[in-house]
């Protein structure tokens, strides 16, 4: 079974209360419920976590890589500042999709640059909680395709 780690960075525990005009009214628990439902429909298992601490996120990225799991990550502000997360993603070997609730490109200039996008298989932003579901489906498809390519042909 494919396993996908959905990792959430700083301040995402405040979803539903923090700047709802930008991030919406859904809580992180609401997002987790949607993600689990989508994972079940894909036949995948999910590990869903949130931390305000960069080192904890690094540990979880390395854990996902060691388990040959995929990653959907909303790194929050660490997206724009964390070389440590970039290096962890790159070193883990885990296919990773970066996601954001808001359209970061329609916001402040400092949010336009991601340090983790270059080591991710893709980026999804601007769709609210749907960004998580799109990210989950995307990384699942990448993992299915990689597994298919790894199986030797019987010709």
Protein backbone atom coordinates (compact mmCIF):
# COMPACT_ATOMS: atom_id res chain seq x y z
CA UNK A 1 0.00 0.00 0.00
CA UNK A 2 1.19 3.48 -0.83
CA UNK A 3 1.78 5.70 2.19
CA UNK A 4 1.77 9.48 2.00
CA UNK A 5 2.94 11.79 4.77
CA UNK A 6 1.01 15.06 4.84
CA UNK A 7 3.21 17.51 6.72
CA UNK A 8 2.13 20.93 7.93
CA UNK A 9 4.47 23.66 9.09
CA UNK A 10 4.25 26.66 11.38
CA UNK A 11 0.96 28.31 12.24
CA UNK A 12 -1.16 25.79 10.36
CA UNK A 13 -2.53 24.70 13.73
CA UNK A 14 -4.28 28.11 13.68
CA UNK A 15 -6.29 27.39 10.52
CA UNK A 16 -9.86 28.59 10.82
CA UNK A 17 -8.82 31.38 13.21
CA UNK A 18 -5.77 32.96 11.57
CA UNK A 19 -6.57 35.39 8.76
CA UNK A 20 -9.69 33.57 7.50
CA UNK A 21 -9.95 36.09 4.64
CA UNK A 22 -6.72 34.54 3.28
CA UNK A 23 -6.73 30.97 4.58
CA UNK A 24 -10.47 30.29 4.89
CA UNK A 25 -12.55 28.98 7.77
CA UNK A 26 -11.63 25.29 7.57
CA UNK A 27 -9.60 24.04 10.53
CA UNK A 28 -6.61 21.72 10.23
CA UNK A 29 -8.87 18.95 11.60
CA UNK A 30 -11.31 19.65 8.75
CA UNK A 31 -8.45 19.40 6.25
CA UNK A 32 -7.23 16.16 7.83
CA UNK A 33 -10.70 14.61 7.53
CA UNK A 34 -10.86 15.53 3.82
CA UNK A 35 -7.35 14.17 3.23
CA UNK A 36 -8.15 10.88 4.96
CA UNK A 37 -11.33 10.46 2.90
CA UNK A 38 -9.41 11.12 -0.33
CA UNK A 39 -6.60 8.75 0.67
CA UNK A 40 -9.13 6.01 1.38
CA UNK A 41 -10.66 6.49 -2.08
CA UNK A 42 -7.16 6.11 -3.58
CA UNK A 43 -6.36 3.04 -1.49
CA UNK A 44 -3.50 4.86 0.21
CA UNK A 45 -2.61 5.32 3.85
CA UNK A 46 -1.87 8.74 5.33
CA UNK A 47 0.29 10.05 8.15
CA UNK A 48 -0.97 13.58 8.92
CA UNK A 49 1.18 15.85 11.12
CA UNK A 50 1.76 19.49 12.05
CA UNK A 51 4.67 21.17 13.80
CA UNK A 52 5.81 24.72 14.40
CA UNK A 53 9.40 23.43 14.66
CA UNK A 54 11.68 23.16 11.65
CA UNK A 55 13.76 20.29 13.06
CA UNK A 56 10.66 18.20 13.70
CA UNK A 57 9.62 18.66 10.08
CA UNK A 58 13.12 17.62 8.96
CA UNK A 59 12.84 14.44 11.07
CA UNK A 60 9.44 13.62 9.56
CA UNK A 61 10.70 14.18 5.99
CA UNK A 62 13.61 11.83 6.65
CA UNK A 63 11.22 9.28 8.19
CA UNK A 64 8.98 9.40 5.09
CA UNK A 65 12.00 8.83 2.86
CA UNK A 66 13.19 5.88 4.95
CA UNK A 67 9.70 4.36 4.65
CA UNK A 68 9.60 4.97 0.88
CA UNK A 69 6.51 7.13 1.41
CA UNK A 70 5.46 10.17 -0.55
CA UNK A 71 5.11 13.64 0.95
CA UNK A 72 2.58 16.43 0.61
CA UNK A 73 3.98 19.43 2.44
CA UNK A 74 2.55 22.78 3.39
CA UNK A 75 5.70 24.19 4.92
CA UNK A 76 4.08 27.56 5.64
CA UNK A 77 6.67 30.32 6.06
CA UNK A 78 9.50 27.75 6.02
CA UNK A 79 8.81 27.41 2.28
CA UNK A 80 10.59 30.71 1.75
CA UNK A 81 13.38 30.40 4.32
CA UNK A 82 14.37 26.81 5.08
CA UNK A 83 17.44 25.36 3.45
CA UNK A 84 17.14 22.57 6.03
CA UNK A 85 13.74 21.48 4.65
CA UNK A 86 15.04 21.73 1.09
CA UNK A 87 18.04 19.54 1.94
CA UNK A 88 15.85 17.04 3.82
CA UNK A 89 13.48 16.68 0.87
CA UNK A 90 16.34 16.36 -1.58
CA UNK A 91 18.18 13.84 0.57
CA UNK A 92 15.14 11.76 1.50
CA UNK A 93 14.34 10.57 -2.00
CA UNK A 94 10.63 10.90 -1.18
CA UNK A 95 8.52 12.26 -4.03
CA UNK A 96 7.21 15.54 -2.63
CA UNK A 97 4.46 17.92 -3.64
CA UNK A 98 4.56 21.41 -2.14
CA UNK A 99 1.12 22.87 -1.46
CA UNK A 100 -0.35 26.13 -0.19
CA UNK A 101 -3.89 27.13 0.68
CA UNK A 102 -3.51 30.64 -0.74
CA UNK A 103 -2.09 31.73 -4.07
CA UNK A 104 1.33 32.77 -2.83
CA UNK A 105 2.07 34.50 -6.15
CA UNK A 106 -0.80 36.95 -5.59
CA UNK A 107 0.59 37.92 -2.19
CA UNK A 108 3.66 39.69 -0.80
CA UNK A 109 6.81 39.49 -2.88
CA UNK A 110 8.75 37.49 -0.29
CA UNK A 111 6.21 34.66 -0.71
CA UNK A 112 6.94 34.31 -4.44
CA UNK A 113 10.19 32.40 -3.90
CA UNK A 114 10.17 28.83 -2.67
CA UNK A 115 13.33 27.07 -1.57
CA UNK A 116 11.62 23.68 -1.66
CA UNK A 117 9.91 23.88 -5.07
CA UNK A 118 13.11 22.99 -6.99
CA UNK A 119 13.38 19.67 -5.09
CA UNK A 120 9.66 18.87 -5.28
CA UNK A 121 7.89 17.05 -8.11
CA UNK A 122 5.32 19.86 -8.27
CA UNK A 123 3.65 22.79 -6.55
CA UNK A 124 -0.07 23.43 -6.02
CA UNK A 125 -1.35 26.68 -4.54
CA UNK A 126 -4.42 28.83 -4.26
CA UNK A 127 -7.21 26.29 -3.94
CA UNK A 128 -7.78 26.32 -0.19
CA UNK A 129 -8.25 22.83 1.29
CA UNK A 130 -8.58 21.44 -2.26
CA UNK A 131 -4.82 22.11 -2.62
CA UNK A 132 -4.25 19.23 -0.18
CA UNK A 133 -6.47 16.85 -2.15
CA UNK A 134 -4.83 17.79 -5.45
CA UNK A 135 -1.39 17.34 -3.86
CA UNK A 136 -2.37 13.96 -2.44
CA UNK A 137 -3.65 12.76 -5.80
CA UNK A 138 -0.56 14.09 -7.59
CA UNK A 139 1.98 12.41 -5.33
CA UNK A 140 -0.07 9.18 -5.39
CA UNK A 141 0.03 9.16 -9.20
CA UNK A 142 3.78 9.78 -9.19
CA UNK A 143 4.29 6.88 -6.78
CA UNK A 144 2.05 4.52 -8.80
CA UNK A 145 3.95 5.39 -11.97
CA UNK A 146 7.33 4.89 -10.27
CA UNK A 147 6.21 1.50 -8.94
CA UNK A 148 5.02 0.51 -12.43
CA UNK A 149 8.38 1.48 -13.94
CA UNK A 150 10.26 -0.45 -11.24
CA UNK A 151 8.51 -3.73 -12.10
CA UNK A 152 10.56 -5.59 -14.70
CA UNK A 153 8.78 -6.35 -17.97
CA UNK A 154 7.87 -10.03 -18.59
CA UNK A 155 8.91 -10.08 -22.26
